[in-house]
PDB file of N, CA and C in Angstrom:
ATOM      1  N   MET A   1     -51.689 -13.066 110.646  1.00  0.00           N
ATOM      2  CA  MET A   1     -51.230 -12.191 109.594  1.00  0.00           C
ATOM      3  C   MET A   1     -51.363 -10.749 110.071  1.00  0.00           C
ATOM      4  N   THR A   2     -50.409  -9.941 109.692  1.00  0.00           N
ATOM      5  CA  THR A   2     -50.378  -8.528 110.051  1.00  0.00           C
ATOM      6  C   THR A   2     -50.520  -7.695 108.786  1.00  0.00           C
ATOM      7  N   ILE A   3     -51.406  -6.715 108.804  1.00  0.00           N
ATOM      8  CA  ILE A   3     -51.608  -5.817 107.663  1.00  0.00           C
ATOM      9  C   ILE A   3     -51.042  -4.455 108.022  1.00  0.00           C
ATOM     10  N   LEU A   4     -50.278  -3.884 107.098  1.00  0.00           N
ATOM     11  CA  LEU A   4     -49.696  -2.563 107.290  1.00  0.00           C
ATOM     12  C   LEU A   4     -50.145  -1.677 106.133  1.00  0.00           C
ATOM     13  N   CYS A   5     -50.717  -0.531 106.467  1.00  0.00           N
ATOM     14  CA  CYS A   5     -51.159   0.436 105.466  1.00  0.00           C
ATOM     15  C   CYS A   5     -50.249   1.659 105.558  1.00  0.00           C
ATOM     16  N   LEU A   6     -49.652   2.032 104.444  1.00  0.00           N
ATOM     17  CA  LEU A   6     -48.682   3.125 104.422  1.00  0.00           C
ATOM     18  C   LEU A   6     -49.084   4.211 103.433  1.00  0.00           C
ATOM     19  N   ASN A   7     -48.670   5.423 103.698  1.00  0.00           N
ATOM     20  CA  ASN A   7     -48.680   6.470 102.680  1.00  0.00           C
ATOM     21  C   ASN A   7     -47.327   7.176 102.626  1.00  0.00           C
ATOM     22  N   ILE A   8     -46.372   6.680 103.419  1.00  0.00           N
ATOM     23  CA  ILE A   8     -44.985   7.137 103.379  1.00  0.00           C
ATOM     24  C   ILE A   8     -44.095   5.893 103.346  1.00  0.00           C
ATOM     25  N   ASN A   9     -42.828   6.053 103.076  1.00  0.00           N
ATOM     26  CA  ASN A   9     -41.940   4.912 102.907  1.00  0.00           C
ATOM     27  C   ASN A   9     -41.247   4.475 104.193  1.00  0.00           C
ATOM     28  N   SER A  10     -41.843   4.751 105.341  1.00  0.00           N
ATOM     29  CA  SER A  10     -41.252   4.278 106.593  1.00  0.00           C
ATOM     30  C   SER A  10     -42.359   4.060 107.617  1.00  0.00           C
ATOM     31  N   TYR A  11     -42.020   3.284 108.644  1.00  0.00           N
ATOM     32  CA  TYR A  11     -42.943   3.045 109.747  1.00  0.00           C
ATOM     33  C   TYR A  11     -42.131   2.661 110.975  1.00  0.00           C
ATOM     34  N   SER A  12     -42.748   2.689 112.115  1.00  0.00           N
ATOM     35  CA  SER A  12     -42.147   2.210 113.358  1.00  0.00           C
ATOM     36  C   SER A  12     -40.784   2.831 113.637  1.00  0.00           C
ATOM     37  N   ALA A  13     -40.738   4.139 113.658  1.00  0.00           N
ATOM     38  CA  ALA A  13     -39.532   4.888 114.004  1.00  0.00           C
ATOM     39  C   ALA A  13     -38.352   4.611 113.090  1.00  0.00           C
ATOM     40  N   GLY A  14     -38.626   4.514 111.789  1.00  0.00           N
ATOM     41  CA  GLY A  14     -37.515   4.471 110.849  1.00  0.00           C
ATOM     42  C   GLY A  14     -37.315   3.225 110.020  1.00  0.00           C
ATOM     43  N   VAL A  15     -38.182   2.229 110.100  1.00  0.00           N
ATOM     44  CA  VAL A  15     -38.063   1.079 109.206  1.00  0.00           C
ATOM     45  C   VAL A  15     -38.437   1.563 107.809  1.00  0.00           C
ATOM     46  N   THR A  16     -37.518   1.436 106.861  1.00  0.00           N
ATOM     47  CA  THR A  16     -37.759   1.964 105.521  1.00  0.00           C
ATOM     48  C   THR A  16     -37.667   0.875 104.462  1.00  0.00           C
ATOM     49  N   ASP A  17     -38.234   1.169 103.320  1.00  0.00           N
ATOM     50  CA  ASP A  17     -38.140   0.359 102.109  1.00  0.00           C
ATOM     51  C   ASP A  17     -38.800  -1.009 102.192  1.00  0.00           C
ATOM     52  N   ALA A  18     -39.727  -1.241 103.097  1.00  0.00           N
ATOM     53  CA  ALA A  18     -40.436  -2.521 103.125  1.00  0.00           C
ATOM     54  C   ALA A  18     -41.226  -2.702 101.836  1.00  0.00           C
ATOM     55  N   TRP A  19     -41.733  -1.608 101.264  1.00  0.00           N
ATOM     56  CA  TRP A  19     -42.506  -1.687 100.031  1.00  0.00           C
ATOM     57  C   TRP A  19     -41.624  -2.097  98.856  1.00  0.00           C
ATOM     58  N   SER A  20     -40.463  -1.489  98.742  1.00  0.00           N
ATOM     59  CA  SER A  20     -39.607  -1.768  97.586  1.00  0.00           C
ATOM     60  C   SER A  20     -38.774  -3.026  97.754  1.00  0.00           C
ATOM     61  N   LYS A  21     -38.596  -3.497  98.984  1.00  0.00           N
ATOM     62  CA  LYS A  21     -37.784  -4.695  99.228  1.00  0.00           C
ATOM     63  C   LYS A  21     -38.648  -5.847  99.718  1.00  0.00           C
ATOM     64  N   ASN A  22     -39.840  -5.995  99.109  1.00  0.00           N
ATOM     65  CA  ASN A  22     -40.747  -7.056  99.530  1.00  0.00           C
ATOM     66  C   ASN A  22     -40.210  -8.414  99.129  1.00  0.00           C
ATOM     67  N   GLY A  23     -40.653  -9.439  99.837  1.00  0.00           N
ATOM     68  CA  GLY A  23     -40.150 -10.781  99.609  1.00  0.00           C
ATOM     69  C   GLY A  23     -40.894 -11.536  98.535  1.00  0.00           C
ATOM     70  N   SER A  24     -42.206 -11.509  98.585  1.00  0.00           N
ATOM     71  CA  SER A  24     -42.997 -12.258  97.614  1.00  0.00           C
ATOM     72  C   SER A  24     -44.343 -11.585  97.469  1.00  0.00           C
ATOM     73  N   ASN A  25     -45.209 -12.205  96.733  1.00  0.00           N
ATOM     74  CA  ASN A  25     -46.515 -11.622  96.482  1.00  0.00           C
ATOM     75  C   ASN A  25     -47.595 -12.656  96.737  1.00  0.00           C
ATOM     76  N   LEU A  26     -47.724 -13.066  98.008  1.00  0.00           N
ATOM     77  CA  LEU A  26     -48.737 -14.013  98.447  1.00  0.00           C
ATOM     78  C   LEU A  26     -48.716 -15.308  97.644  1.00  0.00           C
ATOM     79  N   GLY A  27     -47.557 -15.893  97.506  1.00  0.00           N
ATOM     80  CA  GLY A  27     -47.428 -17.176  96.843  1.00  0.00           C
ATOM     81  C   GLY A  27     -47.267 -17.111  95.339  1.00  0.00           C
ATOM     82  N   VAL A  28     -47.260 -15.927  94.763  1.00  0.00           N
ATOM     83  CA  VAL A  28     -47.094 -15.772  93.325  1.00  0.00           C
ATOM     84  C   VAL A  28     -45.603 -15.757  93.013  1.00  0.00           C
ATOM     85  N   GLU A  29     -45.198 -16.529  92.015  1.00  0.00           N
ATOM     86  CA  GLU A  29     -43.776 -16.620  91.676  1.00  0.00           C
ATOM     87  C   GLU A  29     -43.573 -16.450  90.180  1.00  0.00           C
ATOM     88  N   GLY A  30     -42.320 -16.396  89.774  1.00  0.00           N
ATOM     89  CA  GLY A  30     -41.946 -16.392  88.359  1.00  0.00           C
ATOM     90  C   GLY A  30     -42.448 -15.189  87.601  1.00  0.00           C
ATOM     91  N   ASP A  31     -42.937 -15.419  86.378  1.00  0.00           N
ATOM     92  CA  ASP A  31     -43.398 -14.343  85.506  1.00  0.00           C
ATOM     93  C   ASP A  31     -44.568 -13.573  86.111  1.00  0.00           C
ATOM     94  N   GLU A  32     -45.473 -14.271  86.792  1.00  0.00           N
ATOM     95  CA  GLU A  32     -46.618 -13.600  87.417  1.00  0.00           C
ATOM     96  C   GLU A  32     -46.151 -12.651  88.517  1.00  0.00           C
ATOM     97  N   PHE A  33     -45.140 -13.061  89.295  1.00  0.00           N
ATOM     98  CA  PHE A  33     -44.571 -12.200  90.339  1.00  0.00           C
ATOM     99  C   PHE A  33     -43.989 -10.932  89.719  1.00  0.00           C
ATOM    100  N   ARG A  34     -43.208 -11.077  88.657  1.00  0.00           N
ATOM    101  CA  ARG A  34     -42.608  -9.910  87.994  1.00  0.00           C
ATOM    102  C   ARG A  34     -43.679  -8.999  87.401  1.00  0.00           C
ATOM    103  N   ARG A  35     -44.709  -9.566  86.794  1.00  0.00           N
ATOM    104  CA  ARG A  35     -45.777  -8.767  86.200  1.00  0.00           C
ATOM    105  C   ARG A  35     -46.509  -7.954  87.262  1.00  0.00           C
ATOM    106  N   ARG A  36     -46.855  -8.581  88.372  1.00  0.00           N
ATOM    107  CA  ARG A  36     -47.561  -7.864  89.445  1.00  0.00           C
ATOM    108  C   ARG A  36     -46.701  -6.775  90.052  1.00  0.00           C
ATOM    109  N   ASN A  37     -45.425  -7.059  90.289  1.00  0.00           N
ATOM    110  CA  ASN A  37     -44.551  -6.060  90.894  1.00  0.00           C
ATOM    111  C   ASN A  37     -44.271  -4.896  89.961  1.00  0.00           C
ATOM    112  N   GLN A  38     -44.278  -5.125  88.661  1.00  0.00           N
ATOM    113  CA  GLN A  38     -44.084  -4.027  87.718  1.00  0.00           C
ATOM    114  C   GLN A  38     -45.286  -3.094  87.711  1.00  0.00           C
ATOM    115  N   ALA A  39     -46.453  -3.600  88.071  1.00  0.00           N
ATOM    116  CA  ALA A  39     -47.659  -2.771  88.116  1.00  0.00           C
ATOM    117  C   ALA A  39     -47.635  -1.802  89.294  1.00  0.00           C
ATOM    118  N   PHE A  40     -46.891  -2.137  90.349  1.00  0.00           N
ATOM    119  CA  PHE A  40     -46.788  -1.267  91.510  1.00  0.00           C
ATOM    120  C   PHE A  40     -45.777  -0.154  91.250  1.00  0.00           C
ATOM    121  N   GLN A  41     -46.062   1.011  91.810  1.00  0.00           N
ATOM    122  CA  GLN A  41     -45.163   2.153  91.701  1.00  0.00           C
ATOM    123  C   GLN A  41     -44.477   2.380  93.042  1.00  0.00           C
ATOM    124  N   ASP A  42     -43.423   3.178  93.037  1.00  0.00           N
ATOM    125  CA  ASP A  42     -42.763   3.540  94.287  1.00  0.00           C
ATOM    126  C   ASP A  42     -43.704   4.376  95.144  1.00  0.00           C
ATOM    127  N   ILE A  43     -43.482   4.337  96.444  1.00  0.00           N
ATOM    128  CA  ILE A  43     -44.291   5.137  97.366  1.00  0.00           C
ATOM    129  C   ILE A  43     -43.950   6.611  97.197  1.00  0.00           C
ATOM    130  N   ASP A  44     -45.001   7.420  97.074  1.00  0.00           N
ATOM    131  CA  ASP A  44     -44.864   8.874  97.008  1.00  0.00           C
ATOM    132  C   ASP A  44     -45.966   9.451  97.887  1.00  0.00           C
ATOM    133  N   PHE A  45     -45.601  10.118  98.955  1.00  0.00           N
ATOM    134  CA  PHE A  45     -46.614  10.598  99.906  1.00  0.00           C
ATOM    135  C   PHE A  45     -47.559  11.623  99.297  1.00  0.00           C
ATOM    136  N   GLY A  46     -47.218  12.178  98.158  1.00  0.00           N
ATOM    137  CA  GLY A  46     -48.079  13.178  97.533  1.00  0.00           C
ATOM    138  C   GLY A  46     -48.942  12.663  96.400  1.00  0.00           C
ATOM    139  N   ASP A  47     -48.951  11.349  96.146  1.00  0.00           N
ATOM    140  CA  ASP A  47     -49.691  10.829  95.001  1.00  0.00           C
ATOM    141  C   ASP A  47     -51.134  10.451  95.320  1.00  0.00           C
ATOM    142  N   GLY A  48     -51.545  10.560  96.582  1.00  0.00           N
ATOM    143  CA  GLY A  48     -52.923  10.256  96.955  1.00  0.00           C
ATOM    144  C   GLY A  48     -53.222   8.771  97.055  1.00  0.00           C
ATOM    145  N   LYS A  49     -52.201   7.929  97.036  1.00  0.00           N
ATOM    146  CA  LYS A  49     -52.400   6.483  97.093  1.00  0.00           C
ATOM    147  C   LYS A  49     -51.989   5.926  98.449  1.00  0.00           C
ATOM    148  N   LEU A  50     -52.606   4.823  98.810  1.00  0.00           N
ATOM    149  CA  LEU A  50     -52.203   4.055  99.979  1.00  0.00           C
ATOM    150  C   LEU A  50     -51.582   2.751  99.501  1.00  0.00           C
ATOM    151  N   GLU A  51     -50.625   2.263 100.266  1.00  0.00           N
ATOM    152  CA  GLU A  51     -49.979   1.004  99.970  1.00  0.00           C
ATOM    153  C   GLU A  51     -50.263   0.028 101.105  1.00  0.00           C
ATOM    154  N   PHE A  52     -50.631  -1.197 100.758  1.00  0.00           N
ATOM    155  CA  PHE A  52     -50.946  -2.218 101.745  1.00  0.00           C
ATOM    156  C   PHE A  52     -49.942  -3.354 101.647  1.00  0.00           C
ATOM    157  N   LEU A  53     -49.366  -3.704 102.788  1.00  0.00           N
ATOM    158  CA  LEU A  53     -48.430  -4.818 102.909  1.00  0.00           C
ATOM    159  C   LEU A  53     -48.975  -5.796 103.936  1.00  0.00           C
ATOM    160  N   THR A  54     -48.633  -7.058 103.772  1.00  0.00           N
ATOM    161  CA  THR A  54     -48.933  -8.039 104.809  1.00  0.00           C
ATOM    162  C   THR A  54     -47.636  -8.673 105.269  1.00  0.00           C
ATOM    163  N   PHE A  55     -47.659  -9.106 106.507  1.00  0.00           N
ATOM    164  CA  PHE A  55     -46.551  -9.843 107.109  1.00  0.00           C
ATOM    165  C   PHE A  55     -47.142 -11.106 107.723  1.00  0.00           C
ATOM    166  N   GLY A  56     -46.428 -12.199 107.637  1.00  0.00           N
ATOM    167  CA  GLY A  56     -46.923 -13.471 108.150  1.00  0.00           C
ATOM    168  C   GLY A  56     -47.124 -13.493 109.657  1.00  0.00           C
ATOM    169  N   SER A  57     -46.406 -12.639 110.373  1.00  0.00           N
ATOM    170  CA  SER A  57     -46.525 -12.587 111.828  1.00  0.00           C
ATOM    171  C   SER A  57     -46.047 -11.223 112.318  1.00  0.00           C
ATOM    172  N   ILE A  58     -46.325 -10.938 113.564  1.00  0.00           N
ATOM    173  CA  ILE A  58     -45.871  -9.674 114.149  1.00  0.00           C
ATOM    174  C   ILE A  58     -44.352  -9.664 114.260  1.00  0.00           C
ATOM    175  N   SER A  59     -43.729 -10.819 114.456  1.00  0.00           N
ATOM    176  CA  SER A  59     -42.263 -10.857 114.526  1.00  0.00           C
ATOM    177  C   SER A  59     -41.642 -10.560 113.159  1.00  0.00           C
ATOM    178  N   ALA A  60     -42.293 -10.973 112.073  1.00  0.00           N
ATOM    179  CA  ALA A  60     -41.794 -10.636 110.733  1.00  0.00           C
ATOM    180  C   ALA A  60     -41.842  -9.134 110.510  1.00  0.00           C
ATOM    181  N   LEU A  61     -42.885  -8.492 111.014  1.00  0.00           N
ATOM    182  CA  LEU A  61     -43.001  -7.038 110.920  1.00  0.00           C
ATOM    183  C   LEU A  61     -41.840  -6.359 111.641  1.00  0.00           C
ATOM    184  N   SER A  62     -41.524  -6.816 112.834  1.00  0.00           N
ATOM    185  CA  SER A  62     -40.428  -6.198 113.585  1.00  0.00           C
ATOM    186  C   SER A  62     -39.060  -6.572 113.015  1.00  0.00           C
ATOM    187  N   ASN A  63     -38.910  -7.766 112.453  1.00  0.00           N
ATOM    188  CA  ASN A  63     -37.627  -8.179 111.873  1.00  0.00           C
ATOM    189  C   ASN A  63     -37.284  -7.417 110.592  1.00  0.00           C
ATOM    190  N   GLU A  64     -38.256  -6.785 109.988  1.00  0.00           N
ATOM    191  CA  GLU A  64     -38.015  -6.016 108.757  1.00  0.00           C
ATOM    192  C   GLU A  64     -36.994  -4.908 108.994  1.00  0.00           C
ATOM    193  N   ARG A  65     -36.841  -4.468 110.224  1.00  0.00           N
ATOM    194  CA  ARG A  65     -35.852  -3.437 110.554  1.00  0.00           C
ATOM    195  C   ARG A  65     -34.432  -3.927 110.274  1.00  0.00           C
ATOM    196  N   PHE A  66     -34.178  -5.208 110.480  1.00  0.00           N
ATOM    197  CA  PHE A  66     -32.826  -5.760 110.371  1.00  0.00           C
ATOM    198  C   PHE A  66     -32.594  -6.565 109.096  1.00  0.00           C
ATOM    199  N   MET A  67     -33.622  -7.244 108.631  1.00  0.00           N
ATOM    200  CA  MET A  67     -33.529  -8.075 107.421  1.00  0.00           C
ATOM    201  C   MET A  67     -34.749  -7.761 106.552  1.00  0.00           C
ATOM    202  N   HIS A  68     -34.537  -7.527 105.288  1.00  0.00           N
ATOM    203  CA  HIS A  68     -35.652  -7.182 104.393  1.00  0.00           C
ATOM    204  C   HIS A  68     -36.215  -8.421 103.722  1.00  0.00           C
ATOM    205  N   GLY A  69     -37.430  -8.301 103.238  1.00  0.00           N
ATOM    206  CA  GLY A  69     -38.030  -9.356 102.448  1.00  0.00           C
ATOM    207  C   GLY A  69     -39.159 -10.098 103.120  1.00  0.00           C
ATOM    208  N   PHE A  70     -39.639  -9.619 104.270  1.00  0.00           N
ATOM    209  CA  PHE A  70     -40.734 -10.284 104.962  1.00  0.00           C
ATOM    210  C   PHE A  70     -42.109  -9.808 104.484  1.00  0.00           C
ATOM    211  N   ALA A  71     -42.160  -8.677 103.793  1.00  0.00           N
ATOM    212  CA  ALA A  71     -43.434  -8.073 103.403  1.00  0.00           C
ATOM    213  C   ALA A  71     -43.951  -8.664 102.095  1.00  0.00           C
ATOM    214  N   ASN A  72     -45.275  -8.649 101.953  1.00  0.00           N
ATOM    215  CA  ASN A  72     -45.953  -9.018 100.714  1.00  0.00           C
ATOM    216  C   ASN A  72     -46.803  -7.850 100.267  1.00  0.00           C
ATOM    217  N   ARG A  73     -46.578  -7.354  99.078  1.00  0.00           N
ATOM    218  CA  ARG A  73     -47.416  -6.274  98.544  1.00  0.00           C
ATOM    219  C   ARG A  73     -48.771  -6.863  98.176  1.00  0.00           C
ATOM    220  N   ILE A  74     -49.835  -6.172  98.575  1.00  0.00           N
ATOM    221  CA  ILE A  74     -51.149  -6.659  98.173  1.00  0.00           C
ATOM    222  C   ILE A  74     -51.980  -5.619  97.425  1.00  0.00           C
ATOM    223  N   GLU A  75     -51.721  -4.329  97.646  1.00  0.00           N
ATOM    224  CA  GLU A  75     -52.554  -3.321  96.980  1.00  0.00           C
ATOM    225  C   GLU A  75     -51.868  -1.975  97.004  1.00  0.00           C
ATOM    226  N   GLN A  76     -52.146  -1.197  95.982  1.00  0.00           N
ATOM    227  CA  GLN A  76     -51.722   0.199  95.922  1.00  0.00           C
ATOM    228  C   GLN A  76     -52.790   0.942  95.139  1.00  0.00           C
ATOM    229  N   GLY A  77     -53.364   1.957  95.720  1.00  0.00           N
ATOM    230  CA  GLY A  77     -54.386   2.697  95.001  1.00  0.00           C
ATOM    231  C   GLY A  77     -55.015   3.792  95.838  1.00  0.00           C
ATOM    232  N   THR A  78     -56.051   4.401  95.275  1.00  0.00           N
ATOM    233  CA  THR A  78     -56.683   5.554  95.912  1.00  0.00           C
ATOM    234  C   THR A  78     -57.914   5.200  96.727  1.00  0.00           C
ATOM    235  N   GLY A  79     -58.395   3.963  96.639  1.00  0.00           N
ATOM    236  CA  GLY A  79     -59.556   3.561  97.438  1.00  0.00           C
ATOM    237  C   GLY A  79     -60.850   4.059  96.838  1.00  0.00           C
ATOM    238  N   PRO A  80     -61.938   4.052  97.553  1.00  0.00           N
ATOM    239  CA  PRO A  80     -62.041   3.725  98.973  1.00  0.00           C
ATOM    240  C   PRO A  80     -61.845   2.230  99.224  1.00  0.00           C
ATOM    241  N   TYR A  81     -61.413   1.894 100.423  1.00  0.00           N
ATOM    242  CA  TYR A  81     -61.134   0.516 100.805  1.00  0.00           C
ATOM    243  C   TYR A  81     -62.056   0.108 101.942  1.00  0.00           C
ATOM    244  N   ARG A  82     -62.394  -1.147 101.942  1.00  0.00           N
ATOM    245  CA  ARG A  82     -63.177  -1.737 103.022  1.00  0.00           C
ATOM    246  C   ARG A  82     -62.484  -3.028 103.428  1.00  0.00           C
ATOM    247  N   ILE A  83     -62.169  -3.144 104.691  1.00  0.00           N
ATOM    248  CA  ILE A  83     -61.485  -4.332 105.197  1.00  0.00           C
ATOM    249  C   ILE A  83     -62.457  -5.073 106.117  1.00  0.00           C
ATOM    250  N   ASN A  84     -62.727  -6.313 105.794  1.00  0.00           N
ATOM    251  CA  ASN A  84     -63.603  -7.164 106.608  1.00  0.00           C
ATOM    252  C   ASN A  84     -62.746  -8.179 107.346  1.00  0.00           C
ATOM    253  N   PHE A  85     -62.959  -8.317 108.624  1.00  0.00           N
ATOM    254  CA  PHE A  85     -62.224  -9.268 109.450  1.00  0.00           C
ATOM    255  C   PHE A  85     -63.138 -10.412 109.834  1.00  0.00           C
ATOM    256  N   LYS A  86     -62.622 -11.617 109.753  1.00  0.00           N
ATOM    257  CA  LYS A  86     -63.361 -12.788 110.189  1.00  0.00           C
ATOM    258  C   LYS A  86     -62.874 -13.184 111.566  1.00  0.00           C
ATOM    259  N   SER A  87     -63.779 -13.672 112.389  1.00  0.00           N
ATOM    260  CA  SER A  87     -63.380 -14.086 113.738  1.00  0.00           C
ATOM    261  C   SER A  87     -62.829 -15.487 113.731  1.00  0.00           C
TER     262      SER A  87
END
């Protein structure tokens, strides 16, 4: 899994709108998917928030340039954040 943390609406030399054109929400579907996505706001670099996306693989991250919908929104907020990695 690949985690991407953004504070602007682009990455990797011009890939845009991964946040707004996400594919799913970590297995959440239907009404729960719509409810969670409505809670998220558009990316604004001046709002003091970070946005976190996950991709199932590094190739999904790179394919986002050509086809949208590989990203999963997981968080948007001001933090502080702590990320723990398991080996």
